Protein backbone atom coordinates (compact mmCIF):
# COMPACT_ATOMS: atom_id res chain seq x y z
CA UNK A 1 49.06 -15.95 5.74
CA UNK A 2 47.11 -17.46 2.87
CA UNK A 3 49.06 -18.30 -0.27
CA UNK A 4 47.97 -17.23 -3.76
CA UNK A 5 47.09 -20.86 -4.55
CA UNK A 6 44.85 -21.10 -1.47
CA UNK A 7 43.07 -17.83 -2.33
CA UNK A 8 42.49 -18.98 -5.90
CA UNK A 9 40.39 -21.96 -4.76
CA UNK A 10 38.84 -20.21 -1.76
CA UNK A 11 35.32 -19.45 -3.15
CA UNK A 12 34.75 -23.09 -4.16
CA UNK A 13 36.08 -24.33 -0.84
CA UNK A 14 33.76 -22.03 1.13
CA UNK A 15 30.70 -23.02 -0.86
CA UNK A 16 31.38 -26.67 -0.12
CA UNK A 17 31.41 -26.20 3.65
CA UNK A 18 28.54 -23.79 4.29
CA UNK A 19 27.08 -26.16 6.83
CA UNK A 20 30.11 -25.59 9.07
CA UNK A 21 29.71 -21.83 9.15
CA UNK A 22 26.16 -21.58 10.45
CA UNK A 23 23.74 -18.82 9.38
CA UNK A 24 25.06 -16.46 6.71
CA UNK A 25 25.27 -12.77 7.62
CA UNK A 26 23.19 -10.45 5.46
CA UNK A 27 25.39 -8.28 3.28
CA UNK A 28 24.27 -4.71 2.53
CA UNK A 29 25.59 -3.25 -0.69
CA UNK A 30 26.57 0.42 -0.49
CA UNK A 31 24.94 2.58 -3.14
CA UNK A 32 26.89 5.83 -2.92
CA UNK A 33 28.37 7.51 0.17
CA UNK A 34 25.68 9.13 2.27
CA UNK A 35 22.72 7.72 0.37
CA UNK A 36 21.46 4.25 1.15
CA UNK A 37 21.71 0.49 0.95
CA UNK A 38 19.32 -2.20 -0.19
CA UNK A 39 16.37 -2.75 2.16
CA UNK A 40 16.37 -6.45 2.96
CA UNK A 41 14.90 -6.35 6.43
CA UNK A 42 11.52 -7.78 5.51
CA UNK A 43 12.35 -9.97 2.50
CA UNK A 44 10.88 -7.28 0.26
CA UNK A 45 11.04 -9.40 -2.91
CA UNK A 46 9.55 -12.58 -1.54
CA UNK A 47 9.06 -14.86 -4.55
CA UNK A 48 8.55 -11.98 -7.00
CA UNK A 49 11.05 -11.36 -9.81
CA UNK A 50 13.13 -8.19 -9.69
CA UNK A 51 11.12 -6.59 -12.49
CA UNK A 52 8.13 -6.63 -10.13
CA UNK A 53 9.80 -5.39 -6.95
CA UNK A 54 7.46 -3.40 -4.64
CA UNK A 55 9.02 -0.06 -5.55
CA UNK A 56 7.83 -0.27 -9.15
CA UNK A 57 4.83 2.04 -9.52
CA UNK A 58 4.85 3.10 -13.17
CA UNK A 59 2.06 1.91 -15.41
CA UNK A 60 2.15 0.68 -18.99
CA UNK A 61 0.22 2.69 -21.57
CA UNK A 62 -3.06 3.74 -19.97
CA UNK A 63 -6.17 3.44 -22.11
CA UNK A 64 -9.58 5.03 -21.59
CA UNK A 65 -12.46 2.66 -20.84
CA UNK A 66 -14.06 1.80 -24.16
CA UNK A 67 -17.45 3.18 -23.09
CA UNK A 68 -15.88 6.57 -22.26
CA UNK A 69 -13.92 6.75 -25.54
CA UNK A 70 -17.05 5.86 -27.55
CA UNK A 71 -19.12 8.50 -25.74
CA UNK A 72 -16.51 11.21 -26.38
CA UNK A 73 -16.38 10.38 -30.09
CA UNK A 74 -20.18 10.35 -30.32
CA UNK A 75 -20.52 13.79 -28.67
CA UNK A 76 -18.07 15.40 -31.08
CA UNK A 77 -19.78 13.81 -34.08
CA UNK A 78 -23.19 14.88 -32.80
CA UNK A 79 -22.18 18.52 -32.34
CA UNK A 80 -19.11 19.18 -34.50
CA UNK A 81 -16.96 22.17 -33.54
CA UNK A 82 -15.50 24.38 -36.27
CA UNK A 83 -11.75 23.80 -36.76
CA UNK A 84 -11.70 21.52 -33.70
CA UNK A 85 -8.11 20.33 -34.19
CA UNK A 86 -6.76 23.89 -34.26
CA UNK A 87 -8.74 24.88 -31.17
CA UNK A 88 -7.65 21.76 -29.29
CA UNK A 89 -3.97 22.58 -29.91
CA UNK A 90 -4.48 26.21 -28.91
CA UNK A 91 -6.22 25.27 -25.64
CA UNK A 92 -3.59 22.62 -24.83
CA UNK A 93 -0.75 25.09 -25.32
CA UNK A 94 -2.55 27.76 -23.30
CA UNK A 95 -3.20 25.46 -20.34
CA UNK A 96 0.37 24.12 -20.37
CA UNK A 97 1.97 27.58 -20.45
CA UNK A 98 -0.36 29.09 -17.88
CA UNK A 99 1.06 30.77 -14.77
CA UNK A 100 -0.57 31.44 -11.43
CA UNK A 101 -2.29 34.81 -11.00
CA UNK A 102 -0.10 37.54 -9.49
CA UNK A 103 -1.13 38.34 -5.93
CA UNK A 104 -2.15 41.97 -5.00
CA UNK A 105 0.78 42.26 -2.59
CA UNK A 106 3.21 41.37 -5.35
CA UNK A 107 1.62 43.93 -7.68
CA UNK A 108 2.02 46.64 -5.04
CA UNK A 109 5.67 45.69 -4.52
CA UNK A 110 6.37 45.87 -8.25
CA UNK A 111 4.54 49.18 -8.58
CA UNK A 112 6.56 50.72 -5.73
CA UNK A 113 9.81 49.51 -7.31
CA UNK A 114 8.89 50.94 -10.73
CA UNK A 115 7.83 54.26 -9.23
CA UNK A 116 11.16 54.58 -7.41
CA UNK A 117 13.05 53.66 -10.57
CA UNK A 118 11.20 56.24 -12.69
CA UNK A 119 11.78 58.97 -10.12
CA UNK A 120 15.51 58.24 -10.13
CA UNK A 121 15.91 58.16 -13.91
CA UNK A 122 13.45 60.86 -15.01
CA UNK A 123 12.79 64.54 -14.40
CA UNK A 124 11.59 65.19 -10.87
CA UNK A 125 9.13 67.74 -12.23
CA UNK A 126 7.04 64.97 -13.84
CA UNK A 127 3.42 65.17 -12.72
CA UNK A 128 1.92 62.51 -10.49
CA UNK A 129 -0.61 61.56 -13.15
CA UNK A 130 2.08 60.91 -15.80
CA UNK A 131 4.14 58.93 -13.30
CA UNK A 132 1.12 56.78 -12.49
CA UNK A 133 0.44 56.15 -16.19
CA UNK A 134 4.08 55.18 -16.76
CA UNK A 135 4.00 52.73 -13.83
CA UNK A 136 0.73 51.14 -15.02
CA UNK A 137 2.07 50.84 -18.58
CA UNK A 138 5.22 49.09 -17.33
CA UNK A 139 3.16 46.75 -15.13
CA UNK A 140 0.95 45.73 -18.05
CA UNK A 141 4.02 44.88 -20.13
CA UNK A 142 5.86 42.89 -17.45
CA UNK A 143 3.04 41.20 -15.49
CA UNK A 144 1.33 37.96 -16.51
CA UNK A 145 -2.30 38.65 -17.33
CA UNK A 146 -4.28 35.80 -15.77
CA UNK A 147 -7.88 35.25 -16.83
CA UNK A 148 -10.46 32.81 -15.53
CA UNK A 149 -11.82 30.42 -18.16
CA UNK A 150 -15.58 30.38 -18.56
CA UNK A 151 -16.59 26.96 -19.80
CA UNK A 152 -19.65 27.16 -22.01
CA UNK A 153 -20.96 24.24 -24.06
CA UNK A 154 -18.51 24.68 -26.94
CA UNK A 155 -15.41 25.27 -24.80
CA UNK A 156 -16.35 22.24 -22.67
CA UNK A 157 -16.32 20.05 -25.78
CA UNK A 158 -12.94 21.44 -26.82
CA UNK A 159 -11.59 20.79 -23.32
CA UNK A 160 -12.93 17.21 -23.48
CA UNK A 161 -11.16 16.61 -26.80
CA UNK A 162 -7.94 18.15 -25.44
CA UNK A 163 -7.71 16.87 -21.87
CA UNK A 164 -10.03 13.90 -21.25
CA UNK A 165 -7.43 11.19 -21.98
CA UNK A 166 -4.37 12.96 -20.51
CA UNK A 167 -6.21 13.84 -17.29
CA UNK A 168 -7.46 10.26 -16.98
CA UNK A 169 -3.89 8.93 -17.37
CA UNK A 170 -2.41 11.23 -14.71
CA UNK A 171 -5.10 10.50 -12.13
CA UNK A 172 -4.94 6.76 -12.88
CA UNK A 173 -1.22 6.85 -12.08
CA UNK A 174 -1.88 8.62 -8.76
CA UNK A 175 -4.59 6.12 -7.81
CA UNK A 176 -2.34 3.22 -8.82
CA UNK A 177 0.27 4.44 -6.32
CA UNK A 178 -2.24 4.14 -3.49
CA UNK A 179 -3.53 0.77 -4.64
CA UNK A 180 -0.04 -0.70 -5.12
CA UNK A 181 1.31 0.47 -1.75
CA UNK A 182 -1.88 -0.01 0.31
CA UNK A 183 -3.67 -2.95 -1.38
CA UNK A 184 -5.98 -3.43 1.61
CA UNK A 185 -7.43 0.08 1.18
CA UNK A 186 -10.95 -0.23 -0.24
CA UNK A 187 -12.59 3.23 -0.41
CA UNK A 188 -16.35 3.59 -0.44
CA UNK A 189 -16.75 7.35 -1.06
CA UNK A 190 -14.94 9.86 -3.28
CA UNK A 191 -15.33 13.57 -3.99
CA UNK A 192 -13.76 15.36 -6.95
CA UNK A 193 -13.37 19.14 -6.76
CA UNK A 194 -13.24 20.75 -10.19
CA UNK A 195 -14.46 17.53 -11.78
CA UNK A 196 -14.62 18.84 -15.36
CA UNK A 197 -15.35 15.97 -17.74
CA UNK A 198 -15.60 13.46 -14.88
CA UNK A 199 -12.39 11.59 -15.76
CA UNK A 200 -11.54 11.19 -12.04
CA UNK A 201 -14.71 9.16 -11.44
CA UNK A 202 -13.86 6.91 -14.39
CA UNK A 203 -10.27 6.44 -13.17
CA UNK A 204 -11.43 5.69 -9.62
CA UNK A 205 -13.96 3.18 -10.91
CA UNK A 206 -11.23 1.47 -12.97
CA UNK A 207 -9.07 1.24 -9.82
CA UNK A 208 -11.56 0.51 -7.01
CA UNK A 209 -14.82 -0.16 -8.81
CA UNK A 210 -15.55 -3.16 -6.62
CA UNK A 211 -15.79 -1.03 -3.44
CA UNK A 212 -16.73 2.56 -4.37
CA UNK A 213 -20.42 3.27 -3.97
CA UNK A 214 -20.57 7.07 -4.03
CA UNK A 215 -18.83 9.59 -6.32
CA UNK A 216 -19.49 13.31 -5.84
CA UNK A 217 -18.39 15.50 -8.78
CA UNK A 218 -18.22 19.23 -7.99
CA UNK A 219 -17.73 21.85 -10.71
CA UNK A 220 -18.83 25.48 -10.94
CA UNK A 221 -19.63 25.17 -14.67
CA UNK A 222 -23.11 23.86 -15.41
CA UNK A 223 -22.11 23.15 -19.02
CA UNK A 224 -19.18 21.01 -17.87
CA UNK A 225 -21.36 19.06 -15.43
CA UNK A 226 -23.88 18.43 -18.21
CA UNK A 227 -21.10 17.15 -20.49
CA UNK A 228 -19.71 14.87 -17.77
CA UNK A 229 -23.17 13.41 -17.17
CA UNK A 230 -23.62 12.76 -20.91
CA UNK A 231 -20.26 10.98 -21.03
CA UNK A 232 -21.40 8.86 -18.11
CA UNK A 233 -24.54 7.90 -20.02
CA UNK A 234 -22.85 6.93 -23.26
CA UNK A 235 -23.23 10.32 -24.96
CA UNK A 236 -26.96 10.83 -24.39
CA UNK A 237 -29.06 12.56 -21.72
CA UNK A 238 -31.41 9.66 -21.09
CA UNK A 239 -29.11 6.66 -21.17
CA UNK A 240 -28.21 4.43 -18.27
CA UNK A 241 -25.08 5.53 -16.34
CA UNK A 242 -22.04 3.34 -16.94
CA UNK A 243 -21.00 3.94 -13.30
CA UNK A 244 -23.64 3.80 -10.56
CA UNK A 245 -23.67 6.21 -7.62
CA UNK A 246 -22.27 9.33 -9.36
CA UNK A 247 -23.73 12.67 -8.23
CA UNK A 248 -23.08 16.11 -9.76
CA UNK A 249 -23.03 19.35 -7.78
CA UNK A 250 -21.92 22.96 -8.32
CA UNK A 251 -20.81 23.52 -4.71
CA UNK A 252 -18.91 21.59 -2.07
CA UNK A 253 -20.95 20.06 0.78
CA UNK A 254 -21.31 22.66 3.53
CA UNK A 255 -21.26 20.40 6.59
CA UNK A 256 -17.71 19.88 7.98
CA UNK A 257 -18.81 16.48 9.32
CA UNK A 258 -19.24 15.06 5.81
CA UNK A 259 -16.04 13.17 4.96
CA UNK A 260 -14.87 11.04 2.05
CA UNK A 261 -12.33 8.24 1.83
CA UNK A 262 -10.66 9.84 -1.20
CA UNK A 263 -10.66 13.58 -1.95
CA UNK A 264 -9.36 14.66 -5.35
CA UNK A 265 -8.54 17.93 -7.09
CA UNK A 266 -7.06 17.44 -10.56
CA UNK A 267 -5.99 20.48 -12.58
CA UNK A 268 -8.49 22.62 -10.65
CA UNK A 269 -6.57 24.56 -7.99
CA UNK A 270 -4.71 26.48 -10.71
CA UNK A 271 -8.10 27.73 -11.93
CA UNK A 272 -8.73 29.64 -8.69
CA UNK A 273 -8.12 33.42 -8.92
CA UNK A 274 -6.00 33.94 -5.79
CA UNK A 275 -3.92 32.25 -3.13
CA UNK A 276 -6.54 33.11 -0.51
CA UNK A 277 -9.13 31.15 -2.50
CA UNK A 278 -6.76 28.20 -2.79
CA UNK A 279 -6.08 28.22 0.95
CA UNK A 280 -9.79 28.23 1.76
CA UNK A 281 -10.55 25.39 -0.67
CA UNK A 282 -7.60 23.25 0.46
CA UNK A 283 -8.52 23.62 4.12
CA UNK A 284 -12.08 22.60 3.28
CA UNK A 285 -10.93 19.60 1.23
CA UNK A 286 -8.53 18.44 3.95
CA UNK A 287 -11.29 18.59 6.57
CA UNK A 288 -13.41 16.40 4.29
CA UNK A 289 -10.60 13.84 3.92
CA UNK A 290 -10.85 10.69 5.98
CA UNK A 291 -7.87 8.87 4.37
CA UNK A 292 -6.27 10.26 1.18
CA UNK A 293 -6.25 13.65 -0.54
CA UNK A 294 -4.93 13.48 -4.13
CA UNK A 295 -3.82 16.70 -5.84
CA UNK A 296 -2.68 16.73 -9.49
CA UNK A 297 -1.50 19.66 -11.63
CA UNK A 298 0.48 20.24 -14.81
CA UNK A 299 4.11 19.12 -14.63
CA UNK A 300 5.40 22.68 -14.92
CA UNK A 301 7.20 24.93 -12.43
CA UNK A 302 3.92 26.74 -11.78
CA UNK A 303 2.07 23.46 -11.12
CA UNK A 304 4.83 22.12 -8.89
CA UNK A 305 5.11 25.38 -6.91
CA UNK A 306 1.34 25.40 -6.33
CA UNK A 307 1.40 21.84 -4.98
CA UNK A 308 4.36 22.57 -2.72
CA UNK A 309 2.49 25.58 -1.27
CA UNK A 310 -0.52 23.36 -0.58
CA UNK A 311 1.71 20.66 0.91
CA UNK A 312 3.32 23.18 3.28
CA UNK A 313 -0.07 24.57 4.27
CA UNK A 314 -1.45 21.16 5.26
CA UNK A 315 1.72 20.12 7.12
CA UNK A 316 1.92 23.39 9.06
CA UNK A 317 -1.70 23.31 10.13
CA UNK A 318 -2.14 19.62 10.88
CA UNK A 319 -3.66 19.10 14.30
CA UNK A 320 -4.28 22.82 14.90
CA UNK A 321 -7.96 22.79 13.94
CA UNK A 322 -10.47 21.21 16.36
CA UNK A 323 -12.38 20.03 13.29
CA UNK A 324 -9.30 18.14 12.08
CA UNK A 325 -7.50 16.55 15.06
CA UNK A 326 -6.06 13.63 13.11
CA UNK A 327 -2.44 14.12 11.95
CA UNK A 328 -1.44 13.87 8.32
CA UNK A 329 1.70 13.13 6.30
CA UNK A 330 2.97 13.12 2.73
CA UNK A 331 2.22 9.73 1.20
CA UNK A 332 3.65 10.49 -2.26
CA UNK A 333 5.79 11.40 -4.05
CA UNK A 334 8.05 12.81 -1.31
CA UNK A 335 9.69 10.30 1.10
CA UNK A 336 9.78 13.05 3.75
CA UNK A 337 7.96 16.12 5.12
CA UNK A 338 10.95 18.44 4.64
CA UNK A 339 11.09 21.33 2.12
CA UNK A 340 11.30 20.21 -1.50
CA UNK A 341 14.98 20.03 -2.54
CA UNK A 342 14.01 20.77 -6.15
CA UNK A 343 12.96 24.30 -5.17
CA UNK A 344 16.19 25.06 -3.29
CA UNK A 345 18.50 23.81 -6.06
CA UNK A 346 20.70 26.30 -7.90
CA UNK A 347 18.66 25.54 -11.01
CA UNK A 348 15.15 24.77 -9.80
CA UNK A 349 13.27 22.05 -11.63
CA UNK A 350 9.66 20.97 -11.49
CA UNK A 351 9.14 17.66 -9.69
CA UNK A 352 7.07 15.99 -12.39
CA UNK A 353 6.30 12.54 -13.69
CA UNK A 354 5.36 11.05 -17.03
CA UNK A 355 2.56 8.64 -17.87
CA UNK A 356 2.14 7.07 -21.30
CA UNK A 357 -1.40 6.71 -22.64
CA UNK A 358 -3.43 5.93 -25.73
CA UNK A 359 -5.48 9.02 -26.67
CA UNK A 360 -9.10 9.09 -27.76
CA UNK A 361 -8.85 8.00 -31.41
CA UNK A 362 -9.95 11.24 -33.06
CA UNK A 363 -8.79 11.84 -36.65
CA UNK A 364 -5.83 13.99 -35.49
CA UNK A 365 -5.08 12.05 -32.34
CA UNK A 366 -3.94 8.50 -33.05
CA UNK A 367 -0.35 8.10 -31.79
CA UNK A 368 0.47 7.22 -28.14
CA UNK A 369 1.26 10.24 -25.96
CA UNK A 370 2.94 11.13 -22.67
CA UNK A 371 1.22 13.13 -19.94
CA UNK A 372 3.58 15.26 -17.83
CA UNK A 373 2.09 15.99 -14.41
CA UNK A 374 2.96 16.85 -10.83
CA UNK A 375 1.15 15.29 -7.89
CA UNK A 376 0.96 15.30 -4.11
CA UNK A 377 -0.88 12.64 -2.14
CA UNK A 378 -1.53 13.56 1.49
CA UNK A 379 -2.78 10.94 3.92
CA UNK A 380 -4.20 10.90 7.42
CA UNK A 381 -2.59 8.61 9.93
CA UNK A 382 0.99 7.85 10.86
CA UNK A 383 3.91 8.14 8.40
CA UNK A 384 5.40 5.04 10.03
CA UNK A 385 2.95 3.02 7.96
CA UNK A 386 4.48 4.22 4.67
CA UNK A 387 7.65 3.06 2.93
CA UNK A 388 10.27 5.80 3.10
CA UNK A 389 12.26 4.63 0.11
CA UNK A 390 13.93 7.20 -2.18
CA UNK A 391 11.91 8.36 -5.20
CA UNK A 392 13.43 8.31 -8.69
CA UNK A 393 12.81 11.85 -9.96
CA UNK A 394 14.24 11.70 -13.48
CA UNK A 395 14.45 9.15 -16.30
CA UNK A 396 16.81 6.32 -15.33
CA UNK A 397 19.95 6.20 -17.48
CA UNK A 398 20.77 2.55 -18.19
CA UNK A 399 24.31 2.03 -19.39
CA UNK A 400 26.38 -1.14 -19.86
CA UNK A 401 26.83 -2.67 -16.39
CA UNK A 402 25.80 0.48 -14.51
CA UNK A 403 22.69 2.57 -13.89
CA UNK A 404 22.31 6.28 -13.08
CA UNK A 405 19.42 7.17 -10.73
CA UNK A 406 18.47 10.64 -9.51
CA UNK A 407 16.86 10.18 -6.11
CA UNK A 408 14.86 12.28 -3.68
CA UNK A 409 15.96 10.76 -0.36
CA UNK A 410 14.27 10.54 3.07
CA UNK A 411 16.76 13.05 4.50
CA UNK A 412 15.32 15.75 2.23
CA UNK A 413 18.24 15.87 -0.22
CA UNK A 414 18.71 14.96 -3.87
CA UNK A 415 21.34 12.37 -4.76
CA UNK A 416 22.79 11.12 -8.02
CA UNK A 417 23.34 7.41 -7.39
CA UNK A 418 25.38 5.14 -9.66
CA UNK A 419 24.64 1.44 -9.19
CA UNK A 420 27.16 -0.82 -10.90
CA UNK A 421 27.22 -4.50 -11.71
CA UNK A 422 30.84 -4.70 -10.57
CA UNK A 423 30.21 -3.30 -7.09
CA UNK A 424 26.91 -5.07 -6.56
CA UNK A 425 27.31 -8.34 -8.45
CA UNK A 426 30.57 -9.97 -7.32
CA UNK A 427 32.13 -11.53 -4.24
CA UNK A 428 32.57 -8.73 -1.73
CA UNK A 429 31.06 -9.65 1.66
CA UNK A 430 33.15 -11.15 4.44
CA UNK A 431 32.76 -13.79 7.10
CA UNK A 432 35.10 -14.61 10.04
CA UNK A 433 35.42 -18.29 10.87
CA UNK A 434 38.09 -20.80 11.83
CA UNK A 435 36.03 -23.91 11.10
CA UNK A 436 36.61 -23.82 7.34
CA UNK A 437 40.38 -23.49 7.49
CA UNK A 438 42.62 -23.13 10.52
CA UNK A 439 45.20 -21.03 8.68
CA UNK A 440 42.71 -18.45 7.38
CA UNK A 441 41.12 -15.86 9.65
CA UNK A 442 39.55 -13.69 6.90
CA UNK A 443 37.75 -15.56 4.14
CA UNK A 444 35.80 -14.30 1.14
CA UNK A 445 32.30 -15.69 0.83
CA UNK A 446 29.89 -15.65 -2.11
CA UNK A 447 27.87 -12.47 -2.36
CA UNK A 448 24.53 -12.61 -0.61
CA UNK A 449 21.51 -12.36 -2.95
CA UNK A 450 20.54 -9.07 -1.30
CA UNK A 451 23.63 -7.38 -2.76
CA UNK A 452 22.66 -8.43 -6.27
CA UNK A 453 19.12 -7.22 -5.61
CA UNK A 454 20.24 -3.60 -5.58
CA UNK A 455 21.67 -3.57 -9.10
CA UNK A 456 18.86 -5.68 -10.53
CA UNK A 457 16.14 -3.54 -8.92
CA UNK A 458 17.77 -0.34 -10.16
CA UNK A 459 18.08 -1.81 -13.63
CA UNK A 460 14.34 -2.44 -14.00
CA UNK A 461 13.15 0.73 -12.23
CA UNK A 462 11.82 3.78 -14.06
CA UNK A 463 11.07 7.45 -13.53
CA UNK A 464 8.62 7.82 -10.63
CA UNK A 465 9.37 4.46 -9.02
CA UNK A 466 10.73 3.92 -5.52
CA UNK A 467 14.15 2.35 -5.12
CA UNK A 468 13.99 -0.15 -2.20
CA UNK A 469 16.98 1.07 -0.23
CA UNK A 470 17.44 2.38 3.29
CA UNK A 471 19.45 5.24 4.76
CA UNK A 472 22.81 4.57 6.48
CA UNK A 473 21.32 5.45 9.89
CA UNK A 474 18.89 2.55 9.46
CA UNK A 475 21.53 -0.10 8.78
CA UNK A 476 21.26 -3.10 11.10
CA UNK A 477 24.44 -4.40 12.68
CA UNK A 478 26.04 -7.07 10.58
CA UNK A 479 28.32 -9.78 11.98
CA UNK A 480 30.45 -9.30 8.88
CA UNK A 481 31.49 -5.87 10.12
CA UNK A 482 32.74 -7.07 13.51
CA UNK A 483 36.53 -7.40 13.94
CA UNK A 484 37.89 -10.94 14.02
CA UNK A 485 38.62 -12.50 17.36
CA UNK A 486 42.27 -12.77 18.24
């Protein structure tokens, strides 16, 4: 048995005779029971510092291209809108608080419930006409009244002033995720459904401008398409486009054989009047996807629910259509294809993310802002090609010597992980050897760098990043866990 004096000098002794012990076993630091451990299988850090580990996907403050910001300012100065600041705030609040339209089946269910309730509580001699009026009156008071927005020239300008910069920031963040995780991907074609002011084309050009040669912008509003084209030409109708190869259309291409490397719908699916319309459009967009389909909506419960419905639709129907034989998977943000754990929680929350940006410098719009958005990126191919690391779904709480991370894990569950400096920054891995000291069978060894990686990576990670850890079922066998030989 080792004496206290021997144990006191043990770490120094072991460091001095590493050459006698042979290769060091890799130590895997436990995060929390049932969650994960640091993923060290492929030397994920390489020579990069921890603050640039491959799970970091957040962006610093996004800024509009200068040509786009100048064009937006010029268009508002050229055709000033009465009380523009007030109208911008009103439109922003309306779009943020907007719900999905109530489906006809749901209306019928509510009407039947109200009719039964009135018959139970009121005089049975009430005429059918009065009962019908009472039911309709109650429905009007309790049902969200959804209306389609008709974008004329003036409303298009107000929308540009309200949403051009925030929409650009959200889509830029989604594109950055693809570029950071698949750097070899160089798309040549892109289509944007519900293109609005054309911010998707600008964001794509900022991300992959060296390879993209064709951008197709589709929007049902002629006034919005005209505004997007003016922005592209510096604010005029006859200028030279800042981005070559951009085409504007009011309808999607009819041919199912026409495909695009990147298919985008940003804040557009929520503008469709019914679920049937959304299903038809999503199926069409997925058939036109050759690699990635990027869907972005407001970071509200309504926006998140819409995206989860679309996600389920694509996953359930993958491979069933002869026009779409190639399988698909969820590239981001979910590390799995299972039902969203946020929706099944006792208190459901929207799975949303935040992106900081510098707004267009209008007179009322000078301070940096945060865009709250939800996204789903669906990809064609095999999910084996994607990292299945847990996603950080809430702001990271950094406390002295420990970090709180809320994770969406590959097993389809949410976990609250606490990573501490004490558990992941001291001597705590073991090696069995008799070459260092004949009287000691169990000897403490210095902590492997991979154990420290976990705490350091968690410390520099932010909301929306991936934490580079693996599930317990993926742990490789470690010699340190084998019992000592007798």
